[in-house]
Amino acid sequence: MQVRPDVPQAYLLAQMNAFNHNRLTGMVNVSIYQSASDPREIWMVAMFDDEDAYRQNAESRVQHAEYLTLRACLESDPDWHDVGELISEPGDRPV
């Protein structure tokens, strides 16, 4: 996501953290990253129990309202990478 230059970081973080505080069933975590080379570039990673939980979230009115608030902080629509599988976590050891 590319943040508009006129959006204060504290306001942006408050909007993004709403995703974590207003968790829906099946949401595990939301992590927010800022690019080291471009502080206006932000990545958000949302984790769900399974794809069904993700789809329910994506189709919910609550999620859409939160997205519209966040979208107002951005220069354009974000790039989406909707579904992937977790294949390793910290502490995992090769088999």
Protein backbone atom coordinates (compact mmCIF):
# COMPACT_ATOMS: atom_id res chain seq x y z
CA MET A 1 0.00 0.00 0.00
CA GLN A 2 1.24 3.49 -0.79
CA VAL A 3 0.22 5.97 1.91
CA ARG A 4 -0.77 9.50 0.93
CA PRO A 5 1.91 12.01 2.02
CA ASP A 6 -0.63 14.12 3.98
CA VAL A 7 -1.70 11.22 6.25
CA PRO A 8 -0.02 11.30 9.68
CA GLN A 9 1.56 7.98 10.64
CA ALA A 10 -0.31 7.88 13.98
CA TYR A 11 -3.65 8.18 12.18
CA LEU A 12 -2.71 5.50 9.65
CA LEU A 13 -1.64 3.09 12.40
CA ALA A 14 -4.89 3.70 14.28
CA GLN A 15 -6.84 2.75 11.14
CA MET A 16 -4.70 -0.31 10.45
CA ASN A 17 -4.83 -1.48 14.06
CA ALA A 18 -8.62 -1.49 13.84
CA PHE A 19 -8.21 -4.65 11.76
CA ASN A 20 -6.58 -6.30 14.78
CA HIS A 21 -9.01 -4.95 17.40
CA ASN A 22 -12.18 -5.75 15.47
CA ARG A 23 -11.28 -9.37 14.85
CA LEU A 24 -13.84 -11.58 13.27
CA THR A 25 -14.21 -15.28 13.88
CA GLY A 26 -11.22 -17.14 12.47
CA MET A 27 -8.81 -14.19 12.38
CA VAL A 28 -5.49 -15.14 13.94
CA ASN A 29 -3.30 -12.05 13.53
CA VAL A 30 -2.59 -8.91 11.55
CA SER A 31 0.99 -7.71 11.13
CA ILE A 32 1.94 -4.34 9.68
CA TYR A 33 5.30 -3.65 8.04
CA GLN A 34 6.89 -0.45 6.74
CA SER A 35 9.39 -0.51 3.90
CA ALA A 36 12.91 0.52 4.94
CA SER A 37 13.51 2.15 1.56
CA ASP A 38 10.16 4.01 1.32
CA PRO A 39 8.41 4.85 4.61
CA ARG A 40 5.15 5.52 2.73
CA GLU A 41 5.06 1.90 1.53
CA ILE A 42 3.19 -0.33 3.98
CA TRP A 43 2.50 -4.07 3.92
CA MET A 44 -0.25 -5.72 5.94
CA VAL A 45 -0.37 -9.47 6.49
CA ALA A 46 -3.63 -10.90 7.84
CA MET A 47 -3.74 -14.51 9.02
CA PHE A 48 -6.86 -16.65 9.39
CA ASP A 49 -7.59 -20.15 10.63
CA ASP A 50 -8.47 -21.24 7.11
CA GLU A 51 -9.60 -19.98 3.74
CA ASP A 52 -13.29 -20.12 4.69
CA ALA A 53 -12.65 -17.74 7.62
CA TYR A 54 -10.74 -15.45 5.28
CA ARG A 55 -13.56 -15.44 2.73
CA GLN A 56 -16.17 -14.69 5.42
CA ASN A 57 -14.06 -11.76 6.57
CA ALA A 58 -13.51 -10.49 3.03
CA GLU A 59 -17.26 -10.53 2.38
CA SER A 60 -18.34 -8.92 5.69
CA ARG A 61 -19.80 -5.44 5.97
CA VAL A 62 -17.59 -4.68 8.98
CA GLN A 63 -14.46 -5.47 6.97
CA HIS A 64 -15.65 -3.40 4.03
CA ALA A 65 -16.29 -0.37 6.25
CA GLU A 66 -12.81 -0.70 7.78
CA TYR A 67 -11.30 -1.04 4.33
CA LEU A 68 -12.99 2.15 3.11
CA THR A 69 -11.58 4.08 6.09
CA LEU A 70 -8.11 2.70 5.40
CA ARG A 71 -8.44 3.24 1.65
CA ALA A 72 -8.97 6.98 2.24
CA CYS A 73 -5.37 7.07 3.57
CA LEU A 74 -3.90 5.52 0.42
CA GLU A 75 -2.85 6.94 -2.92
CA SER A 76 -4.45 4.05 -4.81
CA ASP A 77 -5.99 0.64 -4.28
CA PRO A 78 -3.56 -1.75 -2.61
CA ASP A 79 -2.02 -4.72 -4.37
CA TRP A 80 -3.78 -7.83 -3.05
CA HIS A 81 -2.31 -11.27 -2.60
CA ASP A 82 -5.38 -12.93 -1.19
CA VAL A 83 -4.65 -16.51 -0.27
CA GLY A 84 -1.52 -18.43 0.53
CA GLU A 85 -0.47 -21.31 2.75
CA LEU A 86 1.82 -20.94 5.77
CA ILE A 87 4.68 -23.35 5.14
CA SER A 88 7.11 -22.42 7.94
CA GLU A 89 7.15 -20.57 11.24
CA PRO A 90 9.97 -19.54 13.59
CA GLY A 91 11.17 -22.60 15.43
CA ASP A 92 10.25 -25.02 12.64
CA ARG A 93 13.01 -27.49 11.90
CA PRO A 94 13.63 -29.14 8.57
CA VAL A 95 12.48 -32.74 8.47
